[in-house]
Protein backbone atom coordinates (compact mmCIF):
# COMPACT_ATOMS: atom_id res chain seq x y z
CA MET A 1 0.00 0.00 0.00
CA ALA A 2 1.57 3.29 -1.11
CA TRP A 3 2.40 5.70 1.69
CA GLN A 4 0.56 9.03 1.31
CA GLY A 5 3.42 11.13 2.67
CA GLY A 6 3.41 14.09 5.02
CA PHE A 7 4.69 14.01 8.64
CA LYS A 8 7.61 16.32 7.77
CA GLY A 9 7.86 17.82 11.26
CA ASP A 10 6.78 21.34 10.23
CA SER A 11 4.71 23.21 12.81
CA TYR A 12 2.53 26.31 12.72
CA ASP A 13 0.96 28.89 14.98
CA ARG A 14 -2.49 30.22 14.06
CA PRO A 15 -1.58 32.82 11.38
CA GLN A 16 0.88 30.38 9.83
CA TRP A 17 -1.70 27.58 9.86
CA ARG A 18 -4.25 29.81 8.16
CA ALA A 19 -1.74 30.75 5.47
CA TYR A 20 -0.67 27.11 5.04
CA LEU A 21 -4.23 25.88 4.51
CA ARG A 22 -4.72 28.40 1.74
CA THR A 23 -1.82 26.85 -0.18
CA GLN A 24 -3.43 23.39 -0.11
CA LYS A 25 -6.03 21.70 -2.27
CA LYS A 26 -9.31 21.27 -0.42
CA PRO A 27 -10.25 17.65 0.34
CA THR A 28 -13.63 16.02 -0.26
CA SER A 29 -14.00 15.70 3.51
CA GLY A 30 -17.49 16.02 4.93
CA PHE A 31 -16.48 16.87 8.50
CA LEU A 32 -13.65 17.05 11.01
CA VAL A 33 -12.92 14.29 13.54
CA ILE A 34 -11.11 15.04 16.82
CA HIS A 35 -8.87 12.41 18.42
CA ALA A 36 -6.43 12.28 21.33
CA THR A 37 -3.39 10.08 21.80
CA GLY A 38 -1.27 9.32 24.84
CA ALA A 39 0.93 7.00 22.79
CA PRO A 40 2.99 6.28 20.85
CA TYR A 41 5.99 8.55 21.14
CA THR A 42 4.39 11.56 22.77
CA LEU A 43 6.76 11.99 25.70
CA ALA A 44 7.53 15.67 26.37
CA ALA A 45 11.27 14.96 26.23
CA VAL A 46 10.94 14.22 22.51
CA GLY A 47 10.66 17.27 20.24
CA GLY A 48 7.67 17.76 17.97
CA ALA A 49 9.53 17.04 14.72
CA LYS A 50 10.94 13.81 16.16
CA ARG A 51 7.50 12.79 17.38
CA MET A 52 6.10 13.26 13.88
CA ALA A 53 8.86 11.07 12.45
CA ASN A 54 8.10 8.43 15.05
CA LEU A 55 4.39 8.63 14.32
CA ALA A 56 5.04 8.22 10.59
CA ASN A 57 7.14 5.14 11.33
CA TYR A 58 4.34 3.76 13.53
CA TYR A 59 1.60 4.19 10.93
CA LYS A 60 3.69 3.22 7.90
CA ASN A 61 5.88 0.37 9.17
CA GLN A 62 4.08 -1.04 12.21
CA GLN A 63 0.42 -0.53 11.37
CA LYS A 64 1.04 -0.91 7.61
CA TRP A 65 -1.43 1.91 6.92
CA LYS A 66 -1.24 4.22 3.91
CA GLY A 67 -1.40 7.26 6.19
CA GLY A 68 -2.59 8.58 9.52
CA PRO A 69 -4.44 11.59 10.96
CA ASN A 70 -4.07 14.84 9.02
CA ALA A 71 -2.62 16.93 11.83
CA PHE A 72 -1.45 16.76 15.44
CA VAL A 73 -1.67 19.44 18.13
CA MET A 74 1.21 19.21 20.58
CA GLY A 75 1.77 20.55 24.08
CA ASP A 76 3.72 23.49 22.65
CA GLY A 77 0.43 24.92 21.36
CA ARG A 78 1.34 24.39 17.69
CA ILE A 79 -0.13 22.20 14.97
CA TYR A 80 1.95 19.67 13.02
CA PRO A 81 0.61 18.41 9.65
CA GLY A 82 0.43 14.63 9.24
CA THR A 83 -1.14 13.04 6.16
CA PRO A 84 -1.63 15.94 3.69
CA VAL A 85 -4.89 17.80 4.38
CA SER A 86 -5.87 17.42 0.73
CA LEU A 87 -6.21 13.65 1.33
CA MET A 88 -8.47 11.52 3.48
CA GLY A 89 -6.40 10.32 6.42
CA VAL A 90 -6.46 6.96 8.15
CA HIS A 91 -7.74 7.22 11.70
CA SER A 92 -11.10 5.54 12.38
CA PRO A 93 -12.80 2.67 10.51
CA GLY A 94 -16.18 4.30 10.00
CA PHE A 95 -14.84 7.79 9.32
CA ASN A 96 -11.96 6.96 6.95
CA ASN A 97 -12.41 8.32 3.41
CA ILE A 98 -15.17 10.74 4.45
CA SER A 99 -13.48 13.02 7.00
CA THR A 100 -10.36 14.88 8.06
CA ALA A 101 -8.72 13.99 11.38
CA PHE A 102 -6.89 16.12 13.95
CA GLU A 103 -5.25 14.48 16.96
CA ALA A 104 -4.51 16.09 20.33
CA GLU A 105 -1.45 15.06 22.29
CA GLY A 106 -2.29 13.49 25.66
CA ASP A 107 -4.63 11.14 27.48
CA TYR A 108 -7.76 13.05 28.48
CA ARG A 109 -9.82 10.25 29.92
CA LYS A 110 -11.34 10.88 33.35
CA GLY A 111 -8.64 11.03 36.01
CA GLN A 112 -5.84 11.47 33.51
CA ARG A 113 -4.54 14.72 32.00
CA PRO A 114 -6.77 17.80 32.54
CA TRP A 115 -8.08 19.52 29.41
CA ALA A 116 -9.26 22.89 30.74
CA SER A 117 -6.23 23.76 32.88
CA GLY A 118 -2.47 23.33 33.03
CA ASP A 119 -0.52 22.12 30.01
CA GLY A 120 -3.59 20.33 28.67
CA LYS A 121 -5.34 23.68 28.21
CA ALA A 122 -2.65 24.81 25.75
CA VAL A 123 -3.37 21.73 23.64
CA TRP A 124 -7.13 22.29 23.51
CA ASP A 125 -6.86 26.03 23.02
CA ALA A 126 -4.69 25.30 19.98
CA MET A 127 -6.99 22.50 18.83
CA ALA A 128 -9.89 24.98 18.93
CA TRP A 129 -8.22 27.57 16.68
CA ALA A 130 -6.73 24.89 14.41
CA SER A 131 -10.20 23.38 13.95
CA ALA A 132 -11.77 26.81 13.50
CA GLU A 133 -9.34 27.71 10.74
CA TRP A 134 -9.97 24.40 8.94
CA LEU A 135 -13.75 24.77 9.17
CA GLU A 136 -13.61 28.34 7.90
CA TRP A 137 -11.32 27.27 5.04
CA MET A 138 -13.74 24.50 4.12
CA GLY A 139 -16.79 26.78 4.43
CA MET A 140 -18.30 24.73 7.26
CA ASP A 141 -20.00 25.78 10.49
CA ALA A 142 -18.71 24.95 13.96
CA ASP A 143 -21.45 22.54 14.99
CA ASP A 144 -22.11 18.91 15.90
CA LYS A 145 -22.41 17.90 12.26
CA HIS A 146 -19.05 19.23 11.10
CA CYS A 147 -17.04 18.74 14.29
CA ARG A 148 -17.18 15.19 15.66
CA PHE A 149 -15.37 13.11 18.26
CA HIS A 150 -13.67 9.80 17.47
CA MET A 151 -15.99 8.04 19.90
CA GLU A 152 -18.95 8.90 17.67
CA ASP A 153 -17.76 6.40 15.05
CA ALA A 154 -20.09 3.41 15.48
CA ARG A 155 -17.35 1.08 14.23
CA THR A 156 -14.53 2.26 16.48
CA THR A 157 -13.28 0.37 19.53
CA HIS A 158 -11.98 3.61 21.10
CA LYS A 159 -15.12 4.72 22.91
CA ALA A 160 -13.27 7.12 25.23
CA CYS A 161 -11.53 9.18 22.53
CA PRO A 162 -10.73 12.05 22.60
CA GLY A 163 -11.45 12.09 26.33
CA ALA A 164 -13.90 12.84 29.10
CA MET A 165 -14.60 16.46 28.18
CA GLN A 166 -18.09 17.35 26.92
CA LYS A 167 -18.38 17.77 23.18
CA ALA A 168 -20.55 20.86 23.64
CA TRP A 169 -17.68 22.46 25.57
CA PHE A 170 -15.25 21.89 22.72
CA VAL A 171 -17.64 22.94 19.95
CA ALA A 172 -18.28 26.19 21.86
CA LYS A 173 -14.51 26.79 22.00
CA VAL A 174 -14.23 26.23 18.26
CA ARG A 175 -17.18 28.54 17.55
CA GLU A 176 -15.62 31.29 19.62
CA ALA A 177 -12.22 30.74 18.00
CA MET A 178 -13.77 31.08 14.53
CA ASN A 179 -14.66 34.66 15.30
CA PRO A 180 -13.90 35.75 18.86
CA ILE A 181 -14.96 39.36 18.24
CA LEU A 182 -18.28 38.63 16.57
CA ALA A 183 -19.10 35.69 18.84
CA LYS A 184 -19.41 38.05 21.77
CA ALA A 185 -21.44 41.18 22.32
CA PRO A 186 -19.56 44.40 21.52
CA PRO A 187 -17.71 45.82 24.52
CA PRO A 188 -19.71 48.41 26.44
CA PRO A 189 -18.94 52.01 25.52
CA PRO A 190 -17.16 54.25 28.01
CA PRO A 191 -19.19 56.59 30.22
CA VAL A 192 -21.28 59.05 28.23
CA MET A 193 -19.66 62.48 28.14
CA PRO A 194 -21.20 65.55 26.49
CA ILE A 195 -19.52 67.06 23.45
CA VAL A 196 -17.68 70.14 24.67
CA THR A 197 -16.43 73.31 23.06
CA ALA A 198 -12.88 74.55 23.14
CA LYS A 199 -13.53 76.80 26.12
CA ALA A 200 -15.67 74.44 28.17
CA LYS A 201 -14.16 72.46 31.01
CA GLN A 202 -13.75 68.79 30.10
CA PHE A 203 -13.99 65.70 32.24
CA VAL A 204 -10.58 64.73 33.62
CA TYR A 205 -9.53 61.08 33.95
CA ALA A 206 -6.97 59.84 36.45
CA PRO A 207 -3.92 57.93 35.12
CA GLY A 208 -4.71 54.30 34.36
CA LYS A 209 -8.46 54.98 34.12
CA PHE A 210 -8.68 56.63 30.71
CA ALA A 211 -11.72 56.06 28.46
CA TRP A 212 -12.31 57.18 24.90
CA SER A 213 -15.36 59.18 23.85
CA ASN A 214 -18.24 57.27 22.30
CA GLU A 215 -19.73 60.58 21.17
CA TRP A 216 -16.74 62.05 19.31
CA LEU A 217 -13.98 59.51 18.72
CA VAL A 218 -16.04 56.61 17.33
CA PRO A 219 -18.02 58.70 14.78
CA MET A 220 -14.88 60.58 13.72
CA MET A 221 -12.86 57.37 13.33
CA LYS A 222 -15.62 56.00 11.10
CA LYS A 223 -15.51 59.14 8.95
CA ILE A 224 -11.74 58.99 8.57
CA GLU A 225 -11.29 55.26 8.05
CA GLY A 226 -14.39 54.52 5.96
CA LEU A 227 -16.28 51.22 6.00
CA ARG A 228 -15.26 48.20 3.94
CA LEU A 229 -16.94 44.87 4.61
CA LYS A 230 -14.49 42.96 2.38
CA ALA A 231 -10.77 42.72 3.15
CA TYR A 232 -8.54 45.05 1.14
CA PRO A 233 -4.73 45.27 0.70
CA ASP A 234 -3.16 47.49 3.33
CA PRO A 235 0.61 46.82 3.12
CA PRO A 236 2.20 44.97 4.74
CA GLY A 237 -1.07 43.10 5.39
CA TRP A 238 -4.84 43.22 4.89
CA SER A 239 -7.48 45.39 6.53
CA ILE A 240 -11.26 45.25 6.89
CA GLY A 241 -14.09 47.18 8.50
CA TYR A 242 -12.90 50.54 9.80
CA GLY A 243 -9.19 49.87 9.32
CA HIS A 244 -8.88 46.60 11.31
CA CYS A 245 -5.43 45.48 10.11
CA SER A 246 -3.94 41.98 10.02
CA THR A 247 -0.65 43.27 11.44
CA SER A 248 -2.35 44.44 14.65
CA LYS A 249 -2.53 40.86 16.06
CA VAL A 250 -6.03 41.64 17.39
CA ALA A 251 -8.41 38.74 16.63
CA PRO A 252 -9.84 37.97 14.19
CA ILE A 253 -6.73 38.29 12.01
CA THR A 254 -7.71 39.81 8.66
CA TYR A 255 -6.90 37.73 5.59
CA GLU A 256 -7.42 37.93 1.84
CA GLY A 257 -11.05 37.17 0.97
CA MET A 258 -12.37 37.80 4.50
CA THR A 259 -15.78 39.47 4.78
CA LEU A 260 -17.86 40.98 7.59
CA PRO A 261 -21.64 40.44 7.68
CA ASN A 262 -22.64 44.02 8.44
CA GLU A 263 -21.70 47.43 9.83
CA ALA A 264 -22.34 46.29 13.40
CA ALA A 265 -19.55 43.72 13.08
CA ALA A 266 -17.16 46.41 11.83
CA ASP A 267 -18.21 48.69 14.71
CA ALA A 268 -17.41 45.93 17.21
CA LEU A 269 -13.96 45.47 15.66
CA LEU A 270 -13.26 49.19 15.79
CA ARG A 271 -14.11 49.35 19.49
CA ALA A 272 -11.95 46.30 20.19
CA ASP A 273 -9.05 47.93 18.33
CA LEU A 274 -9.46 51.21 20.23
CA ASN A 275 -9.26 49.28 23.50
CA ALA A 276 -6.42 46.88 22.62
CA LEU A 277 -4.30 49.02 20.29
CA CYS A 278 -4.80 52.50 21.71
CA LEU A 279 -6.31 52.83 25.18
CA HIS A 280 -4.20 49.98 26.54
CA PHE A 281 -0.98 51.89 25.86
CA LEU A 282 -2.31 55.19 27.17
CA ASN A 283 -3.22 53.53 30.46
CA ALA A 284 0.15 51.78 30.60
CA TRP A 285 2.48 54.69 29.78
CA VAL A 286 0.79 58.01 30.60
CA LYS A 287 1.29 58.95 34.26
CA VAL A 288 -0.61 62.25 34.43
CA PRO A 289 -4.34 63.10 34.33
CA LEU A 290 -5.83 63.70 30.88
CA GLU A 291 -8.92 65.49 29.64
CA GLN A 292 -11.39 63.70 27.35
CA GLY A 293 -10.19 65.51 24.24
CA MET A 294 -6.58 64.56 24.95
CA ILE A 295 -7.49 60.89 25.27
CA ASP A 296 -9.51 60.92 22.04
CA ALA A 297 -6.71 62.64 20.13
CA LEU A 298 -4.06 60.24 21.38
CA CYS A 299 -6.18 57.17 20.61
CA MET A 300 -6.63 58.43 17.05
CA PHE A 301 -2.89 59.10 16.78
CA VAL A 302 -1.90 55.65 18.07
CA PHE A 303 -4.41 53.92 15.78
CA GLN A 304 -2.64 55.33 12.72
CA GLN A 305 0.95 55.82 13.90
CA GLY A 306 1.32 52.85 16.23
CA ALA A 307 2.26 52.45 19.89
CA THR A 308 6.03 52.62 19.34
CA GLN A 309 5.86 56.06 17.70
CA PHE A 310 3.47 57.26 20.42
CA LYS A 311 5.81 56.17 23.20
CA ARG A 312 8.91 57.59 21.58
CA LYS A 313 7.58 60.89 20.26
CA LEU A 314 4.82 61.99 22.64
CA VAL A 315 4.78 60.15 25.98
CA PRO A 316 7.79 61.93 27.58
CA THR A 317 6.31 65.36 26.85
CA ILE A 318 2.82 64.32 27.97
CA ASN A 319 4.21 63.07 31.30
CA GLN A 320 5.82 66.47 31.83
CA LYS A 321 2.32 68.01 31.48
CA MET A 322 3.53 70.15 28.56
CA HIS A 323 0.18 69.84 26.81
CA TRP A 324 0.47 72.95 24.63
CA THR A 325 3.72 71.52 23.27
CA VAL A 326 2.15 68.09 22.72
CA ALA A 327 -0.65 69.59 20.61
CA LYS A 328 1.91 71.52 18.58
CA MET A 329 4.05 68.41 18.09
CA ILE A 330 1.07 66.49 16.77
CA GLU A 331 -0.01 69.33 14.48
CA THR A 332 3.41 69.86 12.91
CA MET A 333 4.56 66.23 12.69
CA PRO A 334 5.69 65.78 9.07
CA HIS A 335 4.20 63.16 6.75
CA ALA A 336 4.35 62.61 3.00
CA LYS A 337 0.58 62.20 2.65
CA ALA A 338 -1.64 65.28 2.78
CA GLY A 339 -4.50 63.24 4.24
CA VAL A 340 -2.39 62.22 7.22
CA MET A 341 -1.31 65.81 7.79
CA ARG A 342 -4.99 66.83 7.81
CA ARG A 343 -5.60 64.07 10.35
CA ARG A 344 -2.78 65.42 12.55
CA ARG A 345 -4.37 68.88 12.55
CA LEU A 346 -7.70 67.38 13.58
CA GLU A 347 -6.01 65.41 16.40
CA ALA A 348 -4.27 68.56 17.61
CA ALA A 349 -7.57 70.45 17.70
CA ARG A 350 -9.16 67.67 19.72
CA TYR A 351 -6.17 67.55 22.07
CA ARG A 352 -6.69 71.28 22.77
CA GLY A 353 -10.31 70.57 23.77
CA GLU A 354 -12.16 71.34 20.55
CA SER A 355 -14.73 69.02 19.02
CA PRO A 356 -14.28 69.33 15.25
CA THR A 357 -16.88 67.48 13.19
CA LYS A 358 -15.73 68.10 9.60
CA TRP A 359 -13.35 65.79 7.79
């Protein structure tokens, strides 16, 4: 029986796995089957690449099979391809030739290795995103039909595989991993603050407790960024919605061909980005009180310029409370694009306490 190949010892994190899948030919698989293995050759002292070589030897030379499962998730939180994903693997008598198989490292039967804590959690967290990426690639939903356990095969003798965890628990993890932003309700907006004029006194936030303005910053960001429900090139990556960029590392990672269902989904992503990419760094690095307009302006600046530029160019002056100078620095910061320079002037006006509405 000809060996199907694979088991090269390559391993991937989530973005790499997503990219890898998109280089492969899609199989005729009808669903995904989840397994777990405590043996053979899964001792932690043996590296992942060596384990894959040992597994290939086991399936090919001892079992005399033409292949094995299509991928393995190890304790390092990475996924290792086995039998090429374009082919039907060998893994379970009733599911062979109709499904794709992923195998988790470890024995998760009752009383053995835990699956929701400790080193077992890393395995199942990775199995969730690995499964989510495969299902999305195949155009399948995360549900009982498309995500099955080995024990569901009526012909198998392994009635405790992949372990004692509830299937509903795992399917929920996969569903959340498929789209962690859209699977949850949008984060609550910060406290409502009235729009103020340049001369009005603004609300002042203590260091570490900053909040952006739902009344000014969100609408203005939407005006500036514009809405796109289909991913578009934004070198060095891809962006979607209101400028949600793949290089930001904020889930879900944007990829070529990705789409959002509606404006509400894009709004949720924008709010998540403002929290994770902007407000997080203000709360971490700014050690002096800030008015609402200052916070809004800095969030807008960080969103476009990045946290590194913010820390290097503005934070030292902000922490000296030289706010007139900070506004001037933002306003006069050079840039080759006229649109960005216009954005800097708007940020400076907001930093001074104004509430400009034109873009």
